Amino acid sequence: MGSDVAAVKQLFTRLVSSLGRKTATRELKWMKQALIASHSPTLPAMLQRRLSGEPLQYILGVQTSLSNSCTNKLMQISRHYTIWST
């Protein structure tokens, strides 16, 4: 148990260096929620996968939604305009 705590601290520090504190904190929160909601692997294993470049959605098994204040304008484009005409 103590080794997991030390590993999480070390991996989180590396994630902060890679993504910035705000994003790393948000992703750690989502990983913790995924652990509670399912039989996901350990938190250190999830952090290690993220540090190796694996997309967060693959690790969590879901795609997180953005808050209204962060919604990307591209997400609001009508489907009609995204289909290639033939």
C-alpha atoms as a PDB file:
ATOM      1  CA  MET A   1       0.000   0.000   0.000  1.00  0.00           C
ATOM      2  CA  GLY A   2       2.759   2.457   0.933  1.00  0.00           C
ATOM      3  CA  SER A   3       4.652   1.662  -2.255  1.00  0.00           C
ATOM      4  CA  ASP A   4       1.515   2.482  -4.283  1.00  0.00           C
ATOM      5  CA  VAL A   5       1.284   5.892  -2.614  1.00  0.00           C
ATOM      6  CA  ALA A   6       4.932   6.626  -3.354  1.00  0.00           C
ATOM      7  CA  ALA A   7       4.522   5.412  -6.939  1.00  0.00           C
ATOM      8  CA  VAL A   8       1.432   7.576  -7.468  1.00  0.00           C
ATOM      9  CA  LYS A   9       3.243  10.645  -6.138  1.00  0.00           C
ATOM     10  CA  GLN A  10       6.236  10.035  -8.400  1.00  0.00           C
ATOM     11  CA  LEU A  11       4.113   9.308 -11.487  1.00  0.00           C
ATOM     12  CA  PHE A  12       1.837  12.282 -10.810  1.00  0.00           C
ATOM     13  CA  THR A  13       4.869  14.578 -10.593  1.00  0.00           C
ATOM     14  CA  ARG A  14       5.978  13.304 -13.999  1.00  0.00           C
ATOM     15  CA  LEU A  15       2.461  13.804 -15.383  1.00  0.00           C
ATOM     16  CA  VAL A  16       2.447  17.413 -14.100  1.00  0.00           C
ATOM     17  CA  SER A  17       5.753  17.995 -15.890  1.00  0.00           C
ATOM     18  CA  SER A  18       4.278  16.579 -19.071  1.00  0.00           C
ATOM     19  CA  LEU A  19       0.763  18.064 -19.061  1.00  0.00           C
ATOM     20  CA  GLY A  20       0.790  20.924 -16.564  1.00  0.00           C
ATOM     21  CA  ARG A  21      -0.708  20.927 -13.075  1.00  0.00           C
ATOM     22  CA  LYS A  22      -4.309  21.730 -14.026  1.00  0.00           C
ATOM     23  CA  THR A  23      -4.627  19.042 -16.700  1.00  0.00           C
ATOM     24  CA  ALA A  24      -2.717  16.445 -14.673  1.00  0.00           C
ATOM     25  CA  THR A  25      -4.934  17.065 -11.634  1.00  0.00           C
ATOM     26  CA  ARG A  26      -8.082  16.730 -13.744  1.00  0.00           C
ATOM     27  CA  GLU A  27      -6.864  13.492 -15.347  1.00  0.00           C
ATOM     28  CA  LEU A  28      -5.860  12.022 -11.970  1.00  0.00           C
ATOM     29  CA  LYS A  29      -9.363  12.795 -10.676  1.00  0.00           C
ATOM     30  CA  TRP A  30     -10.920  10.987 -13.657  1.00  0.00           C
ATOM     31  CA  MET A  31      -8.609   8.001 -13.169  1.00  0.00           C
ATOM     32  CA  LYS A  32      -9.602   7.768  -9.499  1.00  0.00           C
ATOM     33  CA  GLN A  33     -13.281   7.901 -10.471  1.00  0.00           C
ATOM     34  CA  ALA A  34     -12.737   5.122 -13.027  1.00  0.00           C
ATOM     35  CA  LEU A  35     -11.116   2.964 -10.335  1.00  0.00           C
ATOM     36  CA  ILE A  36     -14.146   3.399  -8.089  1.00  0.00           C
ATOM     37  CA  ALA A  37     -16.656   2.756 -10.892  1.00  0.00           C
ATOM     38  CA  SER A  38     -15.103  -0.417 -12.269  1.00  0.00           C
ATOM     39  CA  HIS A  39     -12.484  -3.079 -11.838  1.00  0.00           C
ATOM     40  CA  SER A  40      -9.794  -1.005 -13.522  1.00  0.00           C
ATOM     41  CA  PRO A  41      -6.107  -1.692 -12.948  1.00  0.00           C
ATOM     42  CA  THR A  42      -4.237   0.082 -10.183  1.00  0.00           C
ATOM     43  CA  LEU A  43      -3.770   3.848 -10.216  1.00  0.00           C
ATOM     44  CA  PRO A  44       0.013   3.546 -10.740  1.00  0.00           C
ATOM     45  CA  ALA A  45      -0.640   1.327 -13.777  1.00  0.00           C
ATOM     46  CA  MET A  46      -3.085   3.877 -15.188  1.00  0.00           C
ATOM     47  CA  LEU A  47      -0.622   6.737 -14.646  1.00  0.00           C
ATOM     48  CA  GLN A  48       2.175   4.754 -16.280  1.00  0.00           C
ATOM     49  CA  ARG A  49       0.018   4.081 -19.338  1.00  0.00           C
ATOM     50  CA  ARG A  50      -0.812   7.799 -19.599  1.00  0.00           C
ATOM     51  CA  LEU A  51       2.849   8.774 -19.281  1.00  0.00           C
ATOM     52  CA  SER A  52       3.700   6.400 -22.114  1.00  0.00           C
ATOM     53  CA  GLY A  53       1.389   8.457 -24.339  1.00  0.00           C
ATOM     54  CA  GLU A  54      -1.733   6.312 -24.316  1.00  0.00           C
ATOM     55  CA  PRO A  55      -4.880   8.441 -24.767  1.00  0.00           C
ATOM     56  CA  LEU A  56      -6.804   9.043 -21.558  1.00  0.00           C
ATOM     57  CA  GLN A  57     -10.016   7.754 -23.161  1.00  0.00           C
ATOM     58  CA  TYR A  58      -8.402   4.342 -23.725  1.00  0.00           C
ATOM     59  CA  ILE A  59      -7.276   4.158 -20.120  1.00  0.00           C
ATOM     60  CA  LEU A  60     -10.650   5.200 -18.707  1.00  0.00           C
ATOM     61  CA  GLY A  61     -12.691   3.199 -21.201  1.00  0.00           C
ATOM     62  CA  VAL A  62     -14.880   6.260 -21.820  1.00  0.00           C
ATOM     63  CA  GLN A  63     -14.592   9.686 -23.345  1.00  0.00           C
ATOM     64  CA  THR A  64     -15.009  12.448 -20.802  1.00  0.00           C
ATOM     65  CA  SER A  65     -17.193  15.385 -21.723  1.00  0.00           C
ATOM     66  CA  LEU A  66     -16.012  18.957 -21.555  1.00  0.00           C
ATOM     67  CA  SER A  67     -17.716  21.484 -19.328  1.00  0.00           C
ATOM     68  CA  ASN A  68     -19.843  24.100 -21.096  1.00  0.00           C
ATOM     69  CA  SER A  69     -17.209  26.769 -20.520  1.00  0.00           C
ATOM     70  CA  CYS A  70     -14.601  24.703 -22.384  1.00  0.00           C
ATOM     71  CA  THR A  71     -16.707  23.449 -25.280  1.00  0.00           C
ATOM     72  CA  ASN A  72     -14.777  23.512 -28.502  1.00  0.00           C
ATOM     73  CA  LYS A  73     -16.507  25.407 -31.327  1.00  0.00           C
ATOM     74  CA  LEU A  74     -15.741  22.524 -33.703  1.00  0.00           C
ATOM     75  CA  MET A  75     -17.932  20.273 -31.587  1.00  0.00           C
ATOM     76  CA  GLN A  76     -20.911  22.508 -32.413  1.00  0.00           C
ATOM     77  CA  ILE A  77     -20.688  22.180 -36.204  1.00  0.00           C
ATOM     78  CA  SER A  78     -23.767  20.640 -37.736  1.00  0.00           C
ATOM     79  CA  ARG A  79     -23.311  17.120 -39.087  1.00  0.00           C
ATOM     80  CA  HIS A  80     -24.525  18.392 -42.483  1.00  0.00           C
ATOM     81  CA  TYR A  81     -21.329  20.438 -42.896  1.00  0.00           C
ATOM     82  CA  THR A  82     -18.973  17.631 -41.911  1.00  0.00           C
ATOM     83  CA  ILE A  83     -20.061  15.144 -44.593  1.00  0.00           C
ATOM     84  CA  TRP A  84     -18.089  15.097 -47.841  1.00  0.00           C
ATOM     85  CA  SER A  85     -20.303  15.695 -50.832  1.00  0.00           C
ATOM     86  CA  THR A  86     -19.892  13.246 -53.695  1.00  0.00           C
END
